[in-house]
Amino acid sequence: MEPNVRKRRILLGVREKILAVLLIISITALGITGFFALLSIQDMGTYAKQQSAELGERAVQDSSLALEQSAEESLLRLATTRPTSATGFLNRSSPRCAFFPGTQKGL
């Protein structure tokens, strides 16, 4: 280095120093707030994921139960209406059938 070259110093006035300190304080406060916000967001995401999974499981259980009840009601309704329909059909279509008592009149 040449002896004539001196290090340049940046001279800051009082106003610039106060502004720099306030800037550092505000950036630090924003950084800390952002860090805690990030942690809270991650916790909230985990909680939402757990609650969504539980809600899905409950929905599947409720749907399965409702489907079973509906199928049972439908089968019971079908079982009570079909025998009378089948008896009527057999009596009308073939009066000589020996499937049911009293249908052998024409034999």
Protein backbone atom coordinates (compact mmCIF):
# COMPACT_ATOMS: atom_id res chain seq x y z
CA MET A 1 0.00 0.00 0.00
CA GLU A 2 1.08 3.46 -0.67
CA PRO A 3 1.78 5.61 2.30
CA ASN A 4 -0.29 8.45 0.90
CA VAL A 5 -3.47 6.39 0.89
CA ARG A 6 -5.33 6.78 4.15
CA LYS A 7 -8.22 4.70 5.30
CA ARG A 8 -11.45 6.44 4.70
CA ARG A 9 -13.66 6.76 7.69
CA ILE A 10 -17.30 7.34 7.40
CA LEU A 11 -18.22 10.09 9.73
CA LEU A 12 -21.74 9.87 11.04
CA GLY A 13 -23.50 12.70 12.69
CA VAL A 14 -25.75 12.38 15.70
CA ARG A 15 -28.87 12.23 13.54
CA GLU A 16 -27.48 9.36 11.46
CA LYS A 17 -26.42 7.43 14.56
CA ILE A 18 -29.85 7.76 16.15
CA LEU A 19 -31.48 6.68 12.89
CA ALA A 20 -29.19 3.64 12.64
CA VAL A 21 -29.96 2.58 16.22
CA LEU A 22 -33.72 2.95 15.68
CA LEU A 23 -33.44 0.99 12.43
CA ILE A 24 -31.56 -1.84 14.15
CA ILE A 25 -34.11 -1.91 17.01
CA SER A 26 -37.08 -2.02 14.63
CA ILE A 27 -35.55 -4.71 12.40
CA THR A 28 -34.70 -6.80 15.48
CA ALA A 29 -38.26 -6.44 16.82
CA LEU A 30 -39.70 -7.42 13.44
CA GLY A 31 -37.39 -10.42 13.25
CA ILE A 32 -38.39 -11.66 16.71
CA THR A 33 -42.08 -11.12 15.94
CA GLY A 34 -41.70 -12.96 12.64
CA PHE A 35 -39.98 -15.88 14.33
CA PHE A 36 -42.79 -16.31 16.86
CA ALA A 37 -45.40 -15.87 14.13
CA LEU A 38 -43.72 -18.64 12.13
CA LEU A 39 -43.79 -20.96 15.15
CA SER A 40 -47.47 -20.18 15.73
CA ILE A 41 -48.32 -20.79 12.09
CA GLN A 42 -46.57 -24.17 12.17
CA ASP A 43 -48.44 -25.15 15.34
CA MET A 44 -51.72 -24.04 13.80
CA GLY A 45 -51.00 -26.07 10.66
CA THR A 46 -50.31 -29.19 12.72
CA TYR A 47 -53.50 -28.67 14.73
CA ALA A 48 -55.56 -28.12 11.57
CA LYS A 49 -54.13 -31.29 10.04
CA GLN A 50 -55.03 -33.35 13.11
CA GLN A 51 -58.54 -31.92 13.31
CA SER A 52 -59.10 -32.52 9.61
CA ALA A 53 -58.06 -36.16 9.93
CA GLU A 54 -60.36 -36.64 12.93
CA LEU A 55 -63.25 -34.98 11.09
CA GLY A 56 -62.68 -37.25 8.11
CA GLU A 57 -62.72 -40.34 10.30
CA ARG A 58 -65.95 -39.24 11.99
CA ALA A 59 -67.53 -38.52 8.61
CA VAL A 60 -66.63 -42.00 7.37
CA GLN A 61 -68.08 -43.59 10.51
CA ASP A 62 -71.29 -41.55 10.30
CA SER A 63 -71.68 -42.28 6.59
CA SER A 64 -71.12 -45.99 7.09
CA LEU A 65 -73.67 -46.11 9.89
CA ALA A 66 -76.24 -44.18 7.84
CA LEU A 67 -75.65 -46.42 4.84
CA GLU A 68 -76.09 -49.56 6.93
CA GLN A 69 -79.31 -48.24 8.45
CA SER A 70 -80.66 -47.24 5.05
CA ALA A 71 -79.80 -50.64 3.55
CA GLU A 72 -81.43 -52.43 6.48
CA GLU A 73 -84.62 -50.38 6.14
CA SER A 74 -84.68 -50.94 2.40
CA LEU A 75 -84.20 -54.69 2.77
CA LEU A 76 -86.90 -54.90 5.43
CA ARG A 77 -89.29 -52.95 3.22
CA LEU A 78 -88.42 -55.18 0.28
CA ALA A 79 -88.83 -58.34 2.35
CA THR A 80 -92.30 -57.32 3.53
CA THR A 81 -93.64 -56.24 0.13
CA ARG A 82 -92.15 -58.90 -2.16
CA PRO A 83 -93.75 -62.06 -0.69
CA THR A 84 -97.24 -60.68 -1.20
CA SER A 85 -96.34 -59.59 -4.72
CA ALA A 86 -94.85 -62.98 -5.54
CA THR A 87 -97.89 -64.80 -4.17
CA GLY A 88 -100.22 -62.64 -6.22
CA PHE A 89 -98.12 -63.10 -9.31
CA LEU A 90 -98.01 -66.87 -8.98
CA ASN A 91 -101.73 -67.09 -8.30
CA ARG A 92 -102.56 -64.99 -11.37
CA SER A 93 -100.12 -66.51 -13.79
CA SER A 94 -100.50 -70.18 -12.96
CA PRO A 95 -103.50 -71.10 -10.86
CA ARG A 96 -102.59 -74.79 -11.01
CA CYS A 97 -99.24 -74.34 -9.25
CA ALA A 98 -98.86 -76.42 -6.13
CA PHE A 99 -96.50 -73.95 -4.47
CA PHE A 100 -99.06 -72.56 -2.07
CA PRO A 101 -101.94 -74.27 -0.26
CA GLY A 102 -105.28 -73.71 -1.90
CA THR A 103 -103.87 -73.19 -5.40
CA GLN A 104 -104.59 -76.71 -6.55
CA LYS A 105 -108.26 -76.01 -7.28
CA GLY A 106 -108.07 -76.60 -10.98
CA LEU A 107 -106.12 -79.86 -10.90
